[in-house]
Amino acid sequence: MQRHRHPGFIGISGWVLIFCRLANVDWVNRRTSETFYWHSMTDTPNLDDAHFKPVDPQSLVPAGRSTHPPRILMIYGSLRERSYSRLSAEEGARILERLGAEVKFYDPAGLPLVDDAADASHPKVDELRQLVIWCEGMVWSSPERHGAMTGVMKSQIDWIPLSLGGVRPTQGKTLAVMQVSGGSQSFNTVNQLRILGRWMRLLTIPNQSSIARAWDEFDDEGRMRPSSFYNRLVDVMEELYRFTLLTRDIKDVLVDRYSERVESHAELSKRVNQSKRG
């Protein structure tokens, strides 16, 4: 038999809906109040006030700007006579010099493998480290081999120390990453270079260059042909130049870290080598 309900009958589900709506209004009001309360808190007992300092906007404006040309180091990852990573780096260097930069190259030929009975006194290692200290920005250009950067490229980066005589030679300097591929376009190598750049505390610019079928993008004289790849390379060099000018005089401020102000080197070593459980 079909049951008929009075037109004014609400039913259990209706009352539940009304209750939820009413409760939700109260919940929203309560959450809004709580959010305001929590966001207004300045109770930070874990902060060491002796080492915590608010950011001063004026500290991001240099008292005086450097007037010398931006110093850029070019590093490439192949020893071949017709090295497309070197040729693309040379094209980038021409653009940088047109913009006004001073550019130097490091030739990786003769650089020993890391941990292969060589140390920092080796002439090629010392040359690389001196160039890294000299520069204000870098370009890393590597071929992609087996889906990754080459060993030649990685060896150069491995010889660059995070700390050298109390100085971090790469910290706060700018970096542009580039790769060349023999086949279709890939971004494996530039992504890996970005990870290394972050690890080396470099300010890696947003733009990047990835040249596909590199063997078809250069003429017999080793000059890059007009193409969208060339236009992108120009974009990258322009961006690197601008970022270097923008940051080179304030890089120490940009990478100043609370954690390092709190901990001495001895304390840091003790922390990373000792378990919290004692």
C-alpha atoms as a PDB file:
ATOM      1  CA  MET A   1       0.000   0.000   0.000  1.00  0.00           C
ATOM      2  CA  GLN A   2       1.424   3.418  -0.936  1.00  0.00           C
ATOM      3  CA  ARG A   3       2.014   5.703   2.024  1.00  0.00           C
ATOM      4  CA  HIS A   4       1.248   9.411   1.737  1.00  0.00           C
ATOM      5  CA  ARG A   5       2.958  12.044   3.888  1.00  0.00           C
ATOM      6  CA  HIS A   6       1.552  15.361   4.960  1.00  0.00           C
ATOM      7  CA  PRO A   7       2.938  18.232   2.838  1.00  0.00           C
ATOM      8  CA  GLY A   8       4.426  19.801   5.981  1.00  0.00           C
ATOM      9  CA  PHE A   9       6.241  16.605   7.040  1.00  0.00           C
ATOM     10  CA  ILE A  10      10.019  17.110   7.137  1.00  0.00           C
ATOM     11  CA  GLY A  11      11.319  13.682   8.117  1.00  0.00           C
ATOM     12  CA  ILE A  12      14.522  12.634   9.837  1.00  0.00           C
ATOM     13  CA  SER A  13      16.770  13.369   6.872  1.00  0.00           C
ATOM     14  CA  GLY A  14      15.368  16.876   6.620  1.00  0.00           C
ATOM     15  CA  TRP A  15      16.027  17.580  10.288  1.00  0.00           C
ATOM     16  CA  VAL A  16      19.555  16.221   9.938  1.00  0.00           C
ATOM     17  CA  LEU A  17      20.152  18.531   6.982  1.00  0.00           C
ATOM     18  CA  ILE A  18      18.846  21.532   8.877  1.00  0.00           C
ATOM     19  CA  PHE A  19      20.970  20.648  11.907  1.00  0.00           C
ATOM     20  CA  CYS A  20      24.108  20.270   9.766  1.00  0.00           C
ATOM     21  CA  ARG A  21      23.510  23.585   8.121  1.00  0.00           C
ATOM     22  CA  LEU A  22      23.051  25.301  11.453  1.00  0.00           C
ATOM     23  CA  ALA A  23      26.068  23.529  12.927  1.00  0.00           C
ATOM     24  CA  ASN A  24      28.136  24.394   9.896  1.00  0.00           C
ATOM     25  CA  VAL A  25      27.456  28.079  10.324  1.00  0.00           C
ATOM     26  CA  ASP A  26      28.677  27.884  13.888  1.00  0.00           C
ATOM     27  CA  TRP A  27      31.663  25.773  12.829  1.00  0.00           C
ATOM     28  CA  VAL A  28      32.632  28.281  10.168  1.00  0.00           C
ATOM     29  CA  ASN A  29      32.396  31.136  12.658  1.00  0.00           C
ATOM     30  CA  ARG A  30      34.435  29.203  15.196  1.00  0.00           C
ATOM     31  CA  ARG A  31      37.093  28.234  12.656  1.00  0.00           C
ATOM     32  CA  THR A  32      37.364  31.797  11.405  1.00  0.00           C
ATOM     33  CA  SER A  33      37.944  32.995  14.943  1.00  0.00           C
ATOM     34  CA  GLU A  34      40.505  30.270  15.585  1.00  0.00           C
ATOM     35  CA  THR A  35      42.333  31.000  12.338  1.00  0.00           C
ATOM     36  CA  PHE A  36      42.592  34.680  13.217  1.00  0.00           C
ATOM     37  CA  TYR A  37      43.788  33.756  16.705  1.00  0.00           C
ATOM     38  CA  TRP A  38      46.447  31.360  15.507  1.00  0.00           C
ATOM     39  CA  HIS A  39      47.646  33.633  12.736  1.00  0.00           C
ATOM     40  CA  SER A  40      48.064  36.502  15.178  1.00  0.00           C
ATOM     41  CA  MET A  41      50.307  34.496  17.512  1.00  0.00           C
ATOM     42  CA  THR A  42      53.941  35.486  17.885  1.00  0.00           C
ATOM     43  CA  ASP A  43      54.772  32.944  20.548  1.00  0.00           C
ATOM     44  CA  THR A  44      57.831  31.139  19.095  1.00  0.00           C
ATOM     45  CA  PRO A  45      59.703  29.587  22.041  1.00  0.00           C
ATOM     46  CA  ASN A  46      61.928  27.486  19.780  1.00  0.00           C
ATOM     47  CA  LEU A  47      63.450  30.523  18.100  1.00  0.00           C
ATOM     48  CA  ASP A  48      66.830  31.708  19.335  1.00  0.00           C
ATOM     49  CA  ASP A  49      66.243  35.453  19.510  1.00  0.00           C
ATOM     50  CA  ALA A  50      69.963  36.120  19.589  1.00  0.00           C
ATOM     51  CA  HIS A  51      70.264  34.739  16.052  1.00  0.00           C
ATOM     52  CA  PHE A  52      66.818  35.411  14.617  1.00  0.00           C
ATOM     53  CA  LYS A  53      66.534  38.686  12.800  1.00  0.00           C
ATOM     54  CA  PRO A  54      63.644  40.175  10.802  1.00  0.00           C
ATOM     55  CA  VAL A  55      64.284  40.758   7.112  1.00  0.00           C
ATOM     56  CA  ASP A  56      65.240  44.358   6.441  1.00  0.00           C
ATOM     57  CA  PRO A  57      64.052  45.338   2.939  1.00  0.00           C
ATOM     58  CA  GLN A  58      66.907  47.830   2.748  1.00  0.00           C
ATOM     59  CA  SER A  59      69.414  44.999   3.085  1.00  0.00           C
ATOM     60  CA  LEU A  60      68.254  43.791  -0.333  1.00  0.00           C
ATOM     61  CA  VAL A  61      69.332  47.087  -1.881  1.00  0.00           C
ATOM     62  CA  PRO A  62      73.145  47.238  -2.154  1.00  0.00           C
ATOM     63  CA  ALA A  63      74.814  50.346  -0.784  1.00  0.00           C
ATOM     64  CA  GLY A  64      76.894  50.426  -3.944  1.00  0.00           C
ATOM     65  CA  ARG A  65      76.715  48.373  -7.105  1.00  0.00           C
ATOM     66  CA  SER A  66      79.716  46.662  -8.651  1.00  0.00           C
ATOM     67  CA  THR A  67      80.810  48.322 -11.863  1.00  0.00           C
ATOM     68  CA  HIS A  68      82.975  45.582 -13.359  1.00  0.00           C
ATOM     69  CA  PRO A  69      81.495  43.284 -16.044  1.00  0.00           C
ATOM     70  CA  PRO A  70      79.683  40.214 -14.657  1.00  0.00           C
ATOM     71  CA  ARG A  71      82.145  37.306 -14.502  1.00  0.00           C
ATOM     72  CA  ILE A  72      80.735  34.115 -16.011  1.00  0.00           C
ATOM     73  CA  LEU A  73      82.393  30.675 -16.103  1.00  0.00           C
ATOM     74  CA  MET A  74      81.433  28.203 -18.845  1.00  0.00           C
ATOM     75  CA  ILE A  75      81.693  24.478 -18.053  1.00  0.00           C
ATOM     76  CA  TYR A  76      80.907  21.811 -20.654  1.00  0.00           C
ATOM     77  CA  GLY A  77      80.709  18.039 -20.454  1.00  0.00           C
ATOM     78  CA  SER A  78      82.435  16.478 -23.453  1.00  0.00           C
ATOM     79  CA  LEU A  79      86.011  15.939 -24.643  1.00  0.00           C
ATOM     80  CA  ARG A  80      85.117  15.313 -28.293  1.00  0.00           C
ATOM     81  CA  GLU A  81      86.806  17.465 -30.920  1.00  0.00           C
ATOM     82  CA  ARG A  82      83.372  18.475 -32.220  1.00  0.00           C
ATOM     83  CA  SER A  83      81.664  18.764 -28.865  1.00  0.00           C
ATOM     84  CA  TYR A  84      78.142  20.124 -29.175  1.00  0.00           C
ATOM     85  CA  SER A  85      77.974  20.960 -25.479  1.00  0.00           C
ATOM     86  CA  ARG A  86      81.106  23.074 -25.968  1.00  0.00           C
ATOM     87  CA  LEU A  87      79.780  24.614 -29.203  1.00  0.00           C
ATOM     88  CA  SER A  88      76.491  25.572 -27.519  1.00  0.00           C
ATOM     89  CA  ALA A  89      78.446  27.028 -24.588  1.00  0.00           C
ATOM     90  CA  GLU A  90      80.528  29.049 -27.061  1.00  0.00           C
ATOM     91  CA  GLU A  91      77.344  30.420 -28.638  1.00  0.00           C
ATOM     92  CA  GLY A  92      76.161  31.368 -25.163  1.00  0.00           C
ATOM     93  CA  ALA A  93      79.501  33.039 -24.430  1.00  0.00           C
ATOM     94  CA  ARG A  94      79.201  35.190 -27.553  1.00  0.00           C
ATOM     95  CA  ILE A  95      75.797  36.410 -26.395  1.00  0.00           C
ATOM     96  CA  LEU A  96      77.061  37.093 -22.872  1.00  0.00           C
ATOM     97  CA  GLU A  97      79.990  39.079 -24.211  1.00  0.00           C
ATOM     98  CA  ARG A  98      77.640  41.097 -26.412  1.00  0.00           C
ATOM     99  CA  LEU A  99      75.665  41.900 -23.260  1.00  0.00           C
ATOM    100  CA  GLY A 100      78.842  43.023 -21.502  1.00  0.00           C
ATOM    101  CA  ALA A 101      80.003  40.012 -19.465  1.00  0.00           C
ATOM    102  CA  GLU A 102      83.549  38.758 -19.016  1.00  0.00           C
ATOM    103  CA  VAL A 103      83.537  35.060 -19.909  1.00  0.00           C
ATOM    104  CA  LYS A 104      86.057  32.310 -19.223  1.00  0.00           C
ATOM    105  CA  PHE A 105      86.015  28.608 -20.183  1.00  0.00           C
ATOM    106  CA  TYR A 106      87.281  25.605 -18.300  1.00  0.00           C
ATOM    107  CA  ASP A 107      88.717  22.812 -20.454  1.00  0.00           C
ATOM    108  CA  PRO A 108      88.065  19.486 -18.673  1.00  0.00           C
ATOM    109  CA  ALA A 109      90.771  17.608 -20.604  1.00  0.00           C
ATOM    110  CA  GLY A 110      93.261  16.174 -18.130  1.00  0.00           C
ATOM    111  CA  LEU A 111      91.024  16.520 -15.068  1.00  0.00           C
ATOM    112  CA  PRO A 112      91.470  13.357 -12.962  1.00  0.00           C
ATOM    113  CA  LEU A 113      88.571  11.382 -11.563  1.00  0.00           C
ATOM    114  CA  VAL A 114      87.599  12.210  -8.014  1.00  0.00           C
ATOM    115  CA  ASP A 115      89.255   9.852  -5.469  1.00  0.00           C
ATOM    116  CA  ASP A 116      91.624   8.491  -8.143  1.00  0.00           C
ATOM    117  CA  ALA A 117      94.852   9.174  -6.225  1.00  0.00           C
ATOM    118  CA  ALA A 118      94.563  12.907  -6.966  1.00  0.00           C
ATOM    119  CA  ASP A 119      93.872  15.828  -4.661  1.00  0.00           C
ATOM    120  CA  ALA A 120      93.253  19.557  -4.803  1.00  0.00           C
ATOM    121  CA  SER A 121      96.914  20.206  -5.590  1.00  0.00           C
ATOM    122  CA  HIS A 122      96.501  18.737  -9.067  1.00  0.00           C
ATOM    123  CA  PRO A 123      96.939  21.578 -11.609  1.00  0.00           C
ATOM    124  CA  LYS A 124      93.601  20.921 -13.351  1.00  0.00           C
ATOM    125  CA  VAL A 125      91.733  20.744 -10.052  1.00  0.00           C
ATOM    126  CA  ASP A 126      93.348  23.954  -8.840  1.00  0.00           C
ATOM    127  CA  GLU A 127      92.554  25.688 -12.132  1.00  0.00           C
ATOM    128  CA  LEU A 128      88.888  24.714 -11.873  1.00  0.00           C
ATOM    129  CA  ARG A 129      88.577  25.845  -8.265  1.00  0.00           C
ATOM    130  CA  GLN A 130      90.269  29.179  -8.947  1.00  0.00           C
ATOM    131  CA  LEU A 131      87.859  29.843 -11.809  1.00  0.00           C
ATOM    132  CA  VAL A 132      84.881  28.998  -9.589  1.00  0.00           C
ATOM    133  CA  ILE A 133      86.141  31.445  -6.961  1.00  0.00           C
ATOM    134  CA  TRP A 134      86.666  34.097  -9.667  1.00  0.00           C
ATOM    135  CA  CYS A 135      83.233  33.858 -11.264  1.00  0.00           C
ATOM    136  CA  GLU A 136      79.930  35.419 -10.227  1.00  0.00           C
ATOM    137  CA  GLY A 137      77.825  33.078 -12.338  1.00  0.00           C
ATOM    138  CA  MET A 138      78.187  29.848 -14.278  1.00  0.00           C
ATOM    139  CA  VAL A 139      76.807  28.035 -17.298  1.00  0.00           C
ATOM    140  CA  TRP A 140      76.751  24.238 -17.142  1.00  0.00           C
ATOM    141  CA  SER A 141      76.355  22.633 -20.576  1.00  0.00           C
ATOM    142  CA  SER A 142      76.274  18.840 -20.841  1.00  0.00           C
ATOM    143  CA  PRO A 143      75.369  16.212 -23.398  1.00  0.00           C
ATOM    144  CA  GLU A 144      72.757  13.672 -22.405  1.00  0.00           C
ATOM    145  CA  ARG A 145      74.149  10.150 -22.406  1.00  0.00           C
ATOM    146  CA  HIS A 146      72.076   7.143 -21.341  1.00  0.00           C
ATOM    147  CA  GLY A 147      69.427   9.544 -20.056  1.00  0.00           C
ATOM    148  CA  ALA A 148      71.787  11.490 -17.800  1.00  0.00           C
ATOM    149  CA  MET A 149      74.632  13.994 -17.744  1.00  0.00           C
ATOM    150  CA  THR A 150      78.051  12.718 -18.774  1.00  0.00           C
ATOM    151  CA  GLY A 151      80.752  11.539 -16.405  1.00  0.00           C
ATOM    152  CA  VAL A 152      82.964  14.382 -17.667  1.00  0.00           C
ATOM    153  CA  MET A 153      80.360  16.888 -16.500  1.00  0.00           C
ATOM    154  CA  LYS A 154      79.781  15.216 -13.136  1.00  0.00           C
ATOM    155  CA  SER A 155      83.518  14.941 -12.418  1.00  0.00           C
ATOM    156  CA  GLN A 156      83.949  18.692 -12.785  1.00  0.00           C
ATOM    157  CA  ILE A 157      81.086  19.403 -10.413  1.00  0.00           C
ATOM    158  CA  ASP A 158      82.397  16.817  -7.945  1.00  0.00           C
ATOM    159  CA  TRP A 159      85.737  18.627  -7.796  1.00  0.00           C
ATOM    160  CA  ILE A 160      84.015  21.881  -6.786  1.00  0.00           C
ATOM    161  CA  PRO A 161      83.876  21.880  -2.963  1.00  0.00           C
ATOM    162  CA  LEU A 162      80.973  23.181  -0.899  1.00  0.00           C
ATOM    163  CA  SER A 163      83.525  24.827   1.374  1.00  0.00           C
ATOM    164  CA  LEU A 164      87.058  25.944   0.579  1.00  0.00           C
ATOM    165  CA  GLY A 165      89.205  27.530   3.263  1.00  0.00           C
ATOM    166  CA  GLY A 166      86.176  28.755   5.189  1.00  0.00           C
ATOM    167  CA  VAL A 167      84.595  30.149   2.009  1.00  0.00           C
ATOM    168  CA  ARG A 168      81.687  28.601   0.116  1.00  0.00           C
ATOM    169  CA  PRO A 169      82.864  29.169  -3.467  1.00  0.00           C
ATOM    170  CA  THR A 170      79.496  28.597  -5.150  1.00  0.00           C
ATOM    171  CA  GLN A 171      77.008  29.881  -2.578  1.00  0.00           C
ATOM    172  CA  GLY A 172      74.774  32.653  -3.878  1.00  0.00           C
ATOM    173  CA  LYS A 173      76.236  32.704  -7.380  1.00  0.00           C
ATOM    174  CA  THR A 174      73.999  32.362 -10.421  1.00  0.00           C
ATOM    175  CA  LEU A 175      73.710  29.313 -12.660  1.00  0.00           C
ATOM    176  CA  ALA A 176      72.204  28.554 -16.073  1.00  0.00           C
ATOM    177  CA  VAL A 177      71.823  24.928 -17.206  1.00  0.00           C
ATOM    178  CA  MET A 178      71.928  23.605 -20.773  1.00  0.00           C
ATOM    179  CA  GLN A 179      71.939  20.246 -22.484  1.00  0.00           C
ATOM    180  CA  VAL A 180      72.365  18.840 -25.971  1.00  0.00           C
ATOM    181  CA  SER A 181      70.860  15.592 -27.252  1.00  0.00           C
ATOM    182  CA  GLY A 182      71.575  13.469 -30.296  1.00  0.00           C
ATOM    183  CA  GLY A 183      67.921  12.506 -30.619  1.00  0.00           C
ATOM    184  CA  SER A 184      64.593  13.954 -29.540  1.00  0.00           C
ATOM    185  CA  GLN A 185      64.389  16.728 -26.982  1.00  0.00           C
ATOM    186  CA  SER A 186      64.889  15.701 -23.377  1.00  0.00           C
ATOM    187  CA  PHE A 187      65.102  17.461 -20.036  1.00  0.00           C
ATOM    188  CA  ASN A 188      66.697  14.715 -17.933  1.00  0.00           C
ATOM    189  CA  THR A 189      70.109  16.338 -17.834  1.00  0.00           C
ATOM    190  CA  VAL A 190      69.004  19.911 -17.132  1.00  0.00           C
ATOM    191  CA  ASN A 191      66.810  18.565 -14.319  1.00  0.00           C
ATOM    192  CA  GLN A 192      69.794  16.745 -12.829  1.00  0.00           C
ATOM    193  CA  LEU A 193      71.958  19.840 -13.180  1.00  0.00           C
ATOM    194  CA  ARG A 194      69.301  21.824 -11.324  1.00  0.00           C
ATOM    195  CA  ILE A 195      69.446  19.380  -8.428  1.00  0.00           C
ATOM    196  CA  LEU A 196      73.221  19.736  -8.294  1.00  0.00           C
ATOM    197  CA  GLY A 197      72.942  23.508  -8.513  1.00  0.00           C
ATOM    198  CA  ARG A 198      70.634  23.556  -5.522  1.00  0.00           C
ATOM    199  CA  TRP A 199      73.011  21.258  -3.636  1.00  0.00           C
ATOM    200  CA  MET A 200      75.890  23.629  -4.446  1.00  0.00           C
ATOM    201  CA  ARG A 201      73.760  26.531  -3.111  1.00  0.00           C
ATOM    202  CA  LEU A 202      73.676  28.240  -6.490  1.00  0.00           C
ATOM    203  CA  LEU A 203      70.846  30.529  -7.614  1.00  0.00           C
ATOM    204  CA  THR A 204      69.695  28.592 -10.662  1.00  0.00           C
ATOM    205  CA  ILE A 205      67.714  30.784 -13.060  1.00  0.00           C
ATOM    206  CA  PRO A 206      64.230  29.642 -14.167  1.00  0.00           C
ATOM    207  CA  ASN A 207      65.000  29.398 -17.891  1.00  0.00           C
ATOM    208  CA  GLN A 208      67.032  26.600 -19.483  1.00  0.00           C
ATOM    209  CA  SER A 209      68.188  25.326 -22.868  1.00  0.00           C
ATOM    210  CA  SER A 210      67.718  21.830 -24.313  1.00  0.00           C
ATOM    211  CA  ILE A 211      68.887  21.369 -27.902  1.00  0.00           C
ATOM    212  CA  ALA A 212      67.538  18.289 -29.690  1.00  0.00           C
ATOM    213  CA  ARG A 213      69.326  16.653 -32.661  1.00  0.00           C
ATOM    214  CA  ALA A 214      72.301  18.860 -31.896  1.00  0.00           C
ATOM    215  CA  TRP A 215      74.262  17.452 -34.842  1.00  0.00           C
ATOM    216  CA  ASP A 216      71.755  19.155 -37.163  1.00  0.00           C
ATOM    217  CA  GLU A 217      71.755  22.532 -35.373  1.00  0.00           C
ATOM    218  CA  PHE A 218      75.387  23.530 -36.081  1.00  0.00           C
ATOM    219  CA  ASP A 219      77.066  24.268 -39.400  1.00  0.00           C
ATOM    220  CA  ASP A 220      80.469  23.038 -40.566  1.00  0.00           C
ATOM    221  CA  GLU A 221      82.193  25.955 -38.803  1.00  0.00           C
ATOM    222  CA  GLY A 222      80.573  25.021 -35.494  1.00  0.00           C
ATOM    223  CA  ARG A 223      78.147  27.939 -35.477  1.00  0.00           C
ATOM    224  CA  MET A 224      74.553  27.414 -34.432  1.00  0.00           C
ATOM    225  CA  ARG A 225      71.948  27.815 -37.135  1.00  0.00           C
ATOM    226  CA  PRO A 226      68.989  30.203 -36.677  1.00  0.00           C
ATOM    227  CA  SER A 227      66.178  28.292 -34.947  1.00  0.00           C
ATOM    228  CA  SER A 228      63.858  28.286 -31.964  1.00  0.00           C
ATOM    229  CA  PHE A 229      66.658  26.472 -30.092  1.00  0.00           C
ATOM    230  CA  TYR A 230      69.003  29.381 -30.762  1.00  0.00           C
ATOM    231  CA  ASN A 231      66.369  31.887 -29.665  1.00  0.00           C
ATOM    232  CA  ARG A 232      65.897  30.002 -26.411  1.00  0.00           C
ATOM    233  CA  LEU A 233      69.656  29.987 -25.839  1.00  0.00           C
ATOM    234  CA  VAL A 234      69.646  33.777 -26.216  1.00  0.00           C
ATOM    235  CA  ASP A 235      66.770  33.947 -23.704  1.00  0.00           C
ATOM    236  CA  VAL A 236      68.790  31.917 -21.190  1.00  0.00           C
ATOM    237  CA  MET A 237      71.913  34.054 -21.514  1.00  0.00           C
ATOM    238  CA  GLU A 238      69.914  37.280 -21.170  1.00  0.00           C
ATOM    239  CA  GLU A 239      68.242  35.944 -18.041  1.00  0.00           C
ATOM    240  CA  LEU A 240      71.520  34.780 -16.528  1.00  0.00           C
ATOM    241  CA  TYR A 241      73.081  38.178 -17.174  1.00  0.00           C
ATOM    242  CA  ARG A 242      70.170  40.012 -15.528  1.00  0.00           C
ATOM    243  CA  PHE A 243      70.031  37.712 -12.495  1.00  0.00           C
ATOM    244  CA  THR A 244      73.795  38.037 -12.001  1.00  0.00           C
ATOM    245  CA  LEU A 245      73.588  41.829 -12.052  1.00  0.00           C
ATOM    246  CA  LEU A 246      70.598  41.721  -9.713  1.00  0.00           C
ATOM    247  CA  THR A 247      72.064  39.384  -7.084  1.00  0.00           C
ATOM    248  CA  ARG A 248      75.856  39.568  -7.100  1.00  0.00           C
ATOM    249  CA  ASP A 249      76.039  42.460  -4.616  1.00  0.00           C
ATOM    250  CA  ILE A 250      73.493  40.997  -2.191  1.00  0.00           C
ATOM    251  CA  LYS A 251      74.190  37.263  -2.478  1.00  0.00           C
ATOM    252  CA  ASP A 252      75.435  37.035   1.110  1.00  0.00           C
ATOM    253  CA  VAL A 253      72.114  38.439   2.320  1.00  0.00           C
ATOM    254  CA  LEU A 254      70.061  36.161   0.064  1.00  0.00           C
ATOM    255  CA  VAL A 255      71.673  32.981   1.376  1.00  0.00           C
ATOM    256  CA  ASP A 256      72.085  34.024   5.026  1.00  0.00           C
ATOM    257  CA  ARG A 257      70.626  31.148   7.066  1.00  0.00           C
ATOM    258  CA  TYR A 258      69.185  31.146  10.546  1.00  0.00           C
ATOM    259  CA  SER A 259      70.304  27.552  11.129  1.00  0.00           C
ATOM    260  CA  GLU A 260      73.912  28.449  10.339  1.00  0.00           C
ATOM    261  CA  ARG A 261      73.811  31.501  12.570  1.00  0.00           C
ATOM    262  CA  VAL A 262      72.689  29.281  15.437  1.00  0.00           C
ATOM    263  CA  GLU A 263      75.120  26.428  14.968  1.00  0.00           C
ATOM    264  CA  SER A 264      78.868  26.530  14.843  1.00  0.00           C
ATOM    265  CA  HIS A 265      80.635  24.051  12.542  1.00  0.00           C
ATOM    266  CA  ALA A 266      81.504  21.908  15.576  1.00  0.00           C
ATOM    267  CA  GLU A 267      77.912  21.850  16.771  1.00  0.00           C
ATOM    268  CA  LEU A 268      76.662  21.019  13.283  1.00  0.00           C
ATOM    269  CA  SER A 269      79.083  18.112  12.977  1.00  0.00           C
ATOM    270  CA  LYS A 270      78.015  16.792  16.371  1.00  0.00           C
ATOM    271  CA  ARG A 271      74.328  17.044  15.450  1.00  0.00           C
ATOM    272  CA  VAL A 272      74.546  15.167  12.155  1.00  0.00           C
ATOM    273  CA  ASN A 273      76.787  12.440  13.542  1.00  0.00           C
ATOM    274  CA  GLN A 274      75.027  11.765  16.824  1.00  0.00           C
ATOM    275  CA  SER A 275      71.653  10.157  17.287  1.00  0.00           C
ATOM    276  CA  LYS A 276      68.965  12.097  19.134  1.00  0.00           C
ATOM    277  CA  ARG A 277      68.653   9.103  21.452  1.00  0.00           C
ATOM    278  CA  GLY A 278      72.244   9.647  22.605  1.00  0.00           C
END
